[in-house]
Amino acid sequence: MVNLTFLKKFTKDDAQKMKRYISLYLDVAPKTFDEMKRNLKNEDWEQLRINAHS
């Protein structure tokens, strides 16, 4: 379950914009999570911080 309150406010409840942001997240997130796993393994804390906030 996901709380969409922030996204609704950010997009001013524009359904098309919400769909676009959700789609973008679903496309980018798996790669980012893989990078974060590598950052953890390599103890690259700075890059982990950057990826976590991206």
C-alpha atoms as a PDB file:
ATOM      1  CA  MET A   1       0.000   0.000   0.000  1.00  0.00           C
ATOM      2  CA  VAL A   2       1.283   3.448  -0.919  1.00  0.00           C
ATOM      3  CA  ASN A   3       0.227   6.852   0.362  1.00  0.00           C
ATOM      4  CA  LEU A   4      -0.162   9.113  -2.663  1.00  0.00           C
ATOM      5  CA  THR A   5      -0.797  12.296  -0.683  1.00  0.00           C
ATOM      6  CA  PHE A   6       2.553  13.861  -1.597  1.00  0.00           C
ATOM      7  CA  LEU A   7       2.231  12.932  -5.283  1.00  0.00           C
ATOM      8  CA  LYS A   8      -1.305  14.330  -5.463  1.00  0.00           C
ATOM      9  CA  LYS A   9      -0.158  17.592  -3.905  1.00  0.00           C
ATOM     10  CA  PHE A  10       3.005  17.743  -6.043  1.00  0.00           C
ATOM     11  CA  THR A  11       1.018  17.218  -9.274  1.00  0.00           C
ATOM     12  CA  LYS A  12      -1.963  19.283  -8.121  1.00  0.00           C
ATOM     13  CA  ASP A  13      -4.026  16.083  -8.471  1.00  0.00           C
ATOM     14  CA  ASP A  14      -3.373  15.917 -12.233  1.00  0.00           C
ATOM     15  CA  ALA A  15      -3.941  12.246 -13.127  1.00  0.00           C
ATOM     16  CA  GLN A  16      -1.775  12.381 -16.265  1.00  0.00           C
ATOM     17  CA  LYS A  17       1.179  13.835 -14.359  1.00  0.00           C
ATOM     18  CA  MET A  18       0.699  11.269 -11.600  1.00  0.00           C
ATOM     19  CA  LYS A  19       0.771   8.425 -14.138  1.00  0.00           C
ATOM     20  CA  ARG A  20       3.911   9.847 -15.723  1.00  0.00           C
ATOM     21  CA  TYR A  21       5.753  10.083 -12.370  1.00  0.00           C
ATOM     22  CA  ILE A  22       4.649   6.594 -11.331  1.00  0.00           C
ATOM     23  CA  SER A  23       5.775   5.171 -14.669  1.00  0.00           C
ATOM     24  CA  LEU A  24       9.118   6.946 -14.398  1.00  0.00           C
ATOM     25  CA  TYR A  25       9.626   5.569 -10.888  1.00  0.00           C
ATOM     26  CA  LEU A  26       8.794   2.015 -11.980  1.00  0.00           C
ATOM     27  CA  ASP A  27      11.290   2.281 -14.855  1.00  0.00           C
ATOM     28  CA  VAL A  28      14.148   3.775 -12.816  1.00  0.00           C
ATOM     29  CA  ALA A  29      13.734   2.206  -9.359  1.00  0.00           C
ATOM     30  CA  PRO A  30      15.031  -1.327 -10.091  1.00  0.00           C
ATOM     31  CA  LYS A  31      18.315   0.022 -11.481  1.00  0.00           C
ATOM     32  CA  THR A  32      18.684   2.415  -8.540  1.00  0.00           C
ATOM     33  CA  PHE A  33      18.092  -0.387  -6.031  1.00  0.00           C
ATOM     34  CA  ASP A  34      20.732  -2.531  -7.762  1.00  0.00           C
ATOM     35  CA  GLU A  35      23.182   0.368  -7.593  1.00  0.00           C
ATOM     36  CA  MET A  36      22.412   0.833  -3.898  1.00  0.00           C
ATOM     37  CA  LYS A  37      23.143  -2.855  -3.240  1.00  0.00           C
ATOM     38  CA  ARG A  38      26.528  -2.416  -4.963  1.00  0.00           C
ATOM     39  CA  ASN A  39      27.165   0.734  -2.919  1.00  0.00           C
ATOM     40  CA  LEU A  40      26.485  -1.204   0.281  1.00  0.00           C
ATOM     41  CA  LYS A  41      28.706  -4.088  -0.763  1.00  0.00           C
ATOM     42  CA  ASN A  42      31.529  -1.696  -1.678  1.00  0.00           C
ATOM     43  CA  GLU A  43      30.914   0.480   1.379  1.00  0.00           C
ATOM     44  CA  ASP A  44      30.574   3.494  -0.909  1.00  0.00           C
ATOM     45  CA  TRP A  45      28.562   5.569   1.547  1.00  0.00           C
ATOM     46  CA  GLU A  46      28.620   8.800  -0.429  1.00  0.00           C
ATOM     47  CA  GLN A  47      27.230   7.206  -3.581  1.00  0.00           C
ATOM     48  CA  LEU A  48      24.696   5.295  -1.483  1.00  0.00           C
ATOM     49  CA  ARG A  49      23.533   8.596   0.004  1.00  0.00           C
ATOM     50  CA  ILE A  50      23.196  10.107  -3.475  1.00  0.00           C
ATOM     51  CA  ASN A  51      21.275   7.108  -4.834  1.00  0.00           C
ATOM     52  CA  ALA A  52      19.006   6.956  -1.794  1.00  0.00           C
ATOM     53  CA  HIS A  53      17.932  10.558  -2.312  1.00  0.00           C
ATOM     54  CA  SER A  54      17.542  10.370  -6.082  1.00  0.00           C
END
